[in-house]
Amino acid sequence: MTAARRGGNVREDMIEKAGSEFKTIIKYVASGGISYLIDVLLFAFFEHLLLPGIGNIAIILSTIMARIISTLCNYLLNSRLVFKAYDKTSLIKFLVLAACQMLVSAGAVYGLNFVFSDVNDIFIKVPVDVILMAVNYVIQRAFIFRKQ
């Protein structure tokens, strides 16, 4: 039903939609923050557990184990709380997107490191990942957690 037919006006509908979108974005950012904290805390936990026994390889194993768990947590938060939409294929699509994001992030930071060789990698990684987070929001909303 259009806004005119139900007695509202178009401007109020636009404000309502914008507010709803803003709430979704805030939840998406919060979900990402929670997942990031889980990732860092699990990394520290696993590294502390593994480092004495296996040395520096613990960094790689800790990163992988923490990332797997934090990615699954992020999927659950996004599918259940942020977008409130999921289907049989959404987990697979989400994992493919997460793998692509990781590869694009690593490749972009690696490549930009050559262009900005005097800049610390972390100062390259942060803007790259912020851009990827925005792109991922659009992809997740449109393709992964699309409401039927």
C-alpha atoms as a PDB file:
ATOM      1  CA  MET A   1       0.000   0.000   0.000  1.00  0.00           C
ATOM      2  CA  THR A   2       1.378   3.429  -0.874  1.00  0.00           C
ATOM      3  CA  ALA A   3       1.916   6.143   1.700  1.00  0.00           C
ATOM      4  CA  ALA A   4      -0.860   8.267   0.201  1.00  0.00           C
ATOM      5  CA  ARG A   5      -3.418   5.437   0.426  1.00  0.00           C
ATOM      6  CA  ARG A   6      -2.752   4.628   4.069  1.00  0.00           C
ATOM      7  CA  GLY A   7      -2.811   8.265   5.132  1.00  0.00           C
ATOM      8  CA  GLY A   8       0.946   8.814   5.662  1.00  0.00           C
ATOM      9  CA  ASN A   9       3.231  10.885   3.579  1.00  0.00           C
ATOM     10  CA  VAL A  10       6.187   9.951   1.426  1.00  0.00           C
ATOM     11  CA  ARG A  11       8.671  11.950   3.495  1.00  0.00           C
ATOM     12  CA  GLU A  12       7.702  10.089   6.681  1.00  0.00           C
ATOM     13  CA  ASP A  13       8.127   6.759   4.881  1.00  0.00           C
ATOM     14  CA  MET A  14      11.579   7.795   3.649  1.00  0.00           C
ATOM     15  CA  ILE A  15      12.608   8.862   7.160  1.00  0.00           C
ATOM     16  CA  GLU A  16      11.338   5.563   8.566  1.00  0.00           C
ATOM     17  CA  LYS A  17      13.268   3.544   5.955  1.00  0.00           C
ATOM     18  CA  ALA A  18      16.431   5.578   6.555  1.00  0.00           C
ATOM     19  CA  GLY A  19      16.115   5.048  10.301  1.00  0.00           C
ATOM     20  CA  SER A  20      15.644   1.320   9.814  1.00  0.00           C
ATOM     21  CA  GLU A  21      18.702   1.147   7.522  1.00  0.00           C
ATOM     22  CA  PHE A  22      20.756   3.144  10.031  1.00  0.00           C
ATOM     23  CA  LYS A  23      19.812   0.710  12.826  1.00  0.00           C
ATOM     24  CA  THR A  24      20.855  -2.206  10.645  1.00  0.00           C
ATOM     25  CA  ILE A  25      24.210  -0.551   9.906  1.00  0.00           C
ATOM     26  CA  ILE A  26      24.812   0.091  13.614  1.00  0.00           C
ATOM     27  CA  LYS A  27      24.027  -3.561  14.406  1.00  0.00           C
ATOM     28  CA  TYR A  28      26.339  -4.642  11.562  1.00  0.00           C
ATOM     29  CA  VAL A  29      29.225  -2.558  12.924  1.00  0.00           C
ATOM     30  CA  ALA A  30      28.572  -3.857  16.458  1.00  0.00           C
ATOM     31  CA  SER A  31      28.502  -7.437  15.157  1.00  0.00           C
ATOM     32  CA  GLY A  32      31.839  -6.847  13.447  1.00  0.00           C
ATOM     33  CA  GLY A  33      33.288  -5.352  16.625  1.00  0.00           C
ATOM     34  CA  ILE A  34      32.143  -8.290  18.732  1.00  0.00           C
ATOM     35  CA  SER A  35      33.539 -10.741  16.185  1.00  0.00           C
ATOM     36  CA  TYR A  36      36.831  -8.833  16.122  1.00  0.00           C
ATOM     37  CA  LEU A  37      37.110  -9.015  19.914  1.00  0.00           C
ATOM     38  CA  ILE A  38      36.388 -12.735  19.809  1.00  0.00           C
ATOM     39  CA  ASP A  39      39.078 -13.136  17.142  1.00  0.00           C
ATOM     40  CA  VAL A  40      41.726 -11.239  19.109  1.00  0.00           C
ATOM     41  CA  LEU A  41      40.915 -12.873  22.452  1.00  0.00           C
ATOM     42  CA  LEU A  42      40.906 -16.365  20.955  1.00  0.00           C
ATOM     43  CA  PHE A  43      44.156 -15.631  19.114  1.00  0.00           C
ATOM     44  CA  ALA A  44      45.796 -14.603  22.400  1.00  0.00           C
ATOM     45  CA  PHE A  45      44.366 -17.658  24.188  1.00  0.00           C
ATOM     46  CA  PHE A  46      45.461 -20.158  21.538  1.00  0.00           C
ATOM     47  CA  GLU A  47      48.884 -18.570  21.130  1.00  0.00           C
ATOM     48  CA  HIS A  48      49.443 -18.663  24.897  1.00  0.00           C
ATOM     49  CA  LEU A  49      48.454 -22.327  24.943  1.00  0.00           C
ATOM     50  CA  LEU A  50      50.442 -23.382  21.865  1.00  0.00           C
ATOM     51  CA  LEU A  51      53.516 -21.124  21.850  1.00  0.00           C
ATOM     52  CA  PRO A  52      55.492 -22.916  24.569  1.00  0.00           C
ATOM     53  CA  GLY A  53      55.141 -26.253  22.786  1.00  0.00           C
ATOM     54  CA  ILE A  54      55.525 -25.424  19.101  1.00  0.00           C
ATOM     55  CA  GLY A  55      57.143 -21.990  18.861  1.00  0.00           C
ATOM     56  CA  ASN A  56      56.294 -19.416  16.194  1.00  0.00           C
ATOM     57  CA  ILE A  57      54.086 -21.777  14.173  1.00  0.00           C
ATOM     58  CA  ALA A  58      51.625 -21.104  17.015  1.00  0.00           C
ATOM     59  CA  ILE A  59      50.999 -17.680  15.443  1.00  0.00           C
ATOM     60  CA  ILE A  60      49.707 -19.240  12.231  1.00  0.00           C
ATOM     61  CA  LEU A  61      47.672 -21.955  13.955  1.00  0.00           C
ATOM     62  CA  SER A  62      46.243 -19.481  16.478  1.00  0.00           C
ATOM     63  CA  THR A  63      45.258 -17.099  13.698  1.00  0.00           C
ATOM     64  CA  ILE A  64      43.494 -19.851  11.741  1.00  0.00           C
ATOM     65  CA  MET A  65      41.630 -21.293  14.740  1.00  0.00           C
ATOM     66  CA  ALA A  66      40.583 -17.870  16.029  1.00  0.00           C
ATOM     67  CA  ARG A  67      39.464 -16.732  12.566  1.00  0.00           C
ATOM     68  CA  ILE A  68      37.331 -19.832  11.996  1.00  0.00           C
ATOM     69  CA  ILE A  69      35.513 -19.394  15.297  1.00  0.00           C
ATOM     70  CA  SER A  70      35.106 -15.605  14.989  1.00  0.00           C
ATOM     71  CA  THR A  71      33.816 -15.960  11.417  1.00  0.00           C
ATOM     72  CA  LEU A  72      31.171 -18.449  12.535  1.00  0.00           C
ATOM     73  CA  CYS A  73      30.191 -16.109  15.391  1.00  0.00           C
ATOM     74  CA  ASN A  74      29.959 -13.241  12.907  1.00  0.00           C
ATOM     75  CA  TYR A  75      27.718 -15.338  10.656  1.00  0.00           C
ATOM     76  CA  LEU A  76      25.393 -16.153  13.555  1.00  0.00           C
ATOM     77  CA  LEU A  77      25.212 -12.517  14.672  1.00  0.00           C
ATOM     78  CA  ASN A  78      24.625 -11.189  11.161  1.00  0.00           C
ATOM     79  CA  SER A  79      22.088 -13.826  10.142  1.00  0.00           C
ATOM     80  CA  ARG A  80      20.077 -13.807  13.363  1.00  0.00           C
ATOM     81  CA  LEU A  81      20.396 -10.278  14.769  1.00  0.00           C
ATOM     82  CA  VAL A  82      21.537  -7.886  12.046  1.00  0.00           C
ATOM     83  CA  PHE A  83      19.727  -8.970   8.888  1.00  0.00           C
ATOM     84  CA  LYS A  84      17.297 -11.471  10.451  1.00  0.00           C
ATOM     85  CA  ALA A  85      17.329 -13.503   7.257  1.00  0.00           C
ATOM     86  CA  TYR A  86      19.070 -16.708   6.280  1.00  0.00           C
ATOM     87  CA  ASP A  87      18.483 -19.799   4.215  1.00  0.00           C
ATOM     88  CA  LYS A  88      20.136 -23.125   3.445  1.00  0.00           C
ATOM     89  CA  THR A  89      22.887 -21.558   1.338  1.00  0.00           C
ATOM     90  CA  SER A  90      23.625 -18.430   3.381  1.00  0.00           C
ATOM     91  CA  LEU A  91      26.423 -20.022   5.443  1.00  0.00           C
ATOM     92  CA  ILE A  92      28.232 -21.219   2.328  1.00  0.00           C
ATOM     93  CA  LYS A  93      27.868 -17.814   0.649  1.00  0.00           C
ATOM     94  CA  PHE A  94      29.044 -16.097   3.843  1.00  0.00           C
ATOM     95  CA  LEU A  95      32.142 -18.310   4.089  1.00  0.00           C
ATOM     96  CA  VAL A  96      33.000 -17.696   0.432  1.00  0.00           C
ATOM     97  CA  LEU A  97      32.674 -13.942   1.012  1.00  0.00           C
ATOM     98  CA  ALA A  98      34.846 -14.171   4.153  1.00  0.00           C
ATOM     99  CA  ALA A  99      37.548 -16.059   2.233  1.00  0.00           C
ATOM    100  CA  CYS A 100      37.416 -13.522  -0.612  1.00  0.00           C
ATOM    101  CA  GLN A 101      37.606 -10.658   1.875  1.00  0.00           C
ATOM    102  CA  MET A 102      40.671 -12.180   3.499  1.00  0.00           C
ATOM    103  CA  LEU A 103      42.402 -12.619   0.134  1.00  0.00           C
ATOM    104  CA  VAL A 104      41.510  -9.125  -1.105  1.00  0.00           C
ATOM    105  CA  SER A 105      42.619  -7.585   2.191  1.00  0.00           C
ATOM    106  CA  ALA A 106      45.941  -9.423   2.175  1.00  0.00           C
ATOM    107  CA  GLY A 107      46.529  -8.630  -1.511  1.00  0.00           C
ATOM    108  CA  ALA A 108      45.607  -4.966  -1.155  1.00  0.00           C
ATOM    109  CA  VAL A 109      47.783  -4.460   1.922  1.00  0.00           C
ATOM    110  CA  TYR A 110      50.647  -6.318   0.260  1.00  0.00           C
ATOM    111  CA  GLY A 111      50.335  -4.317  -2.967  1.00  0.00           C
ATOM    112  CA  LEU A 112      49.858  -0.944  -1.284  1.00  0.00           C
ATOM    113  CA  ASN A 113      52.898  -1.666   0.863  1.00  0.00           C
ATOM    114  CA  PHE A 114      55.006  -1.324  -2.271  1.00  0.00           C
ATOM    115  CA  VAL A 115      53.423   2.029  -3.141  1.00  0.00           C
ATOM    116  CA  PHE A 116      53.588   3.357   0.427  1.00  0.00           C
ATOM    117  CA  SER A 117      56.742   1.572   1.578  1.00  0.00           C
ATOM    118  CA  ASP A 118      57.438   4.114   4.343  1.00  0.00           C
ATOM    119  CA  VAL A 119      54.007   3.597   5.914  1.00  0.00           C
ATOM    120  CA  ASN A 120      53.430   1.009   8.644  1.00  0.00           C
ATOM    121  CA  ASP A 121      51.316  -1.910   7.376  1.00  0.00           C
ATOM    122  CA  ILE A 122      48.652  -1.356  10.032  1.00  0.00           C
ATOM    123  CA  PHE A 123      47.994   2.142   8.659  1.00  0.00           C
ATOM    124  CA  ILE A 124      47.413   0.545   5.264  1.00  0.00           C
ATOM    125  CA  LYS A 125      45.329  -2.358   6.582  1.00  0.00           C
ATOM    126  CA  VAL A 126      42.811  -0.289   8.554  1.00  0.00           C
ATOM    127  CA  PRO A 127      41.444   1.788   5.632  1.00  0.00           C
ATOM    128  CA  VAL A 128      41.513  -1.259   3.339  1.00  0.00           C
ATOM    129  CA  ASP A 129      39.446  -3.269   5.819  1.00  0.00           C
ATOM    130  CA  VAL A 130      37.035  -0.375   6.470  1.00  0.00           C
ATOM    131  CA  ILE A 131      36.334  -0.169   2.731  1.00  0.00           C
ATOM    132  CA  LEU A 132      35.909  -3.949   2.576  1.00  0.00           C
ATOM    133  CA  MET A 133      33.537  -3.843   5.552  1.00  0.00           C
ATOM    134  CA  ALA A 134      31.315  -1.345   3.703  1.00  0.00           C
ATOM    135  CA  VAL A 135      31.380  -3.430   0.521  1.00  0.00           C
ATOM    136  CA  ASN A 136      30.629  -6.585   2.535  1.00  0.00           C
ATOM    137  CA  TYR A 137      27.615  -4.903   4.131  1.00  0.00           C
ATOM    138  CA  VAL A 138      26.108  -4.260   0.704  1.00  0.00           C
ATOM    139  CA  ILE A 139      26.913  -7.788  -0.489  1.00  0.00           C
ATOM    140  CA  GLN A 140      25.520  -9.428   2.642  1.00  0.00           C
ATOM    141  CA  ARG A 141      22.342  -7.356   2.582  1.00  0.00           C
ATOM    142  CA  ALA A 142      21.727  -7.884  -1.137  1.00  0.00           C
ATOM    143  CA  PHE A 143      22.896 -11.457  -1.747  1.00  0.00           C
ATOM    144  CA  ILE A 144      23.592 -13.445   1.401  1.00  0.00           C
ATOM    145  CA  PHE A 145      20.881 -12.414   3.859  1.00  0.00           C
ATOM    146  CA  ARG A 146      18.318 -11.160   1.359  1.00  0.00           C
ATOM    147  CA  LYS A 147      14.812 -11.290   2.760  1.00  0.00           C
ATOM    148  CA  GLN A 148      12.550 -13.357   0.558  1.00  0.00           C
END
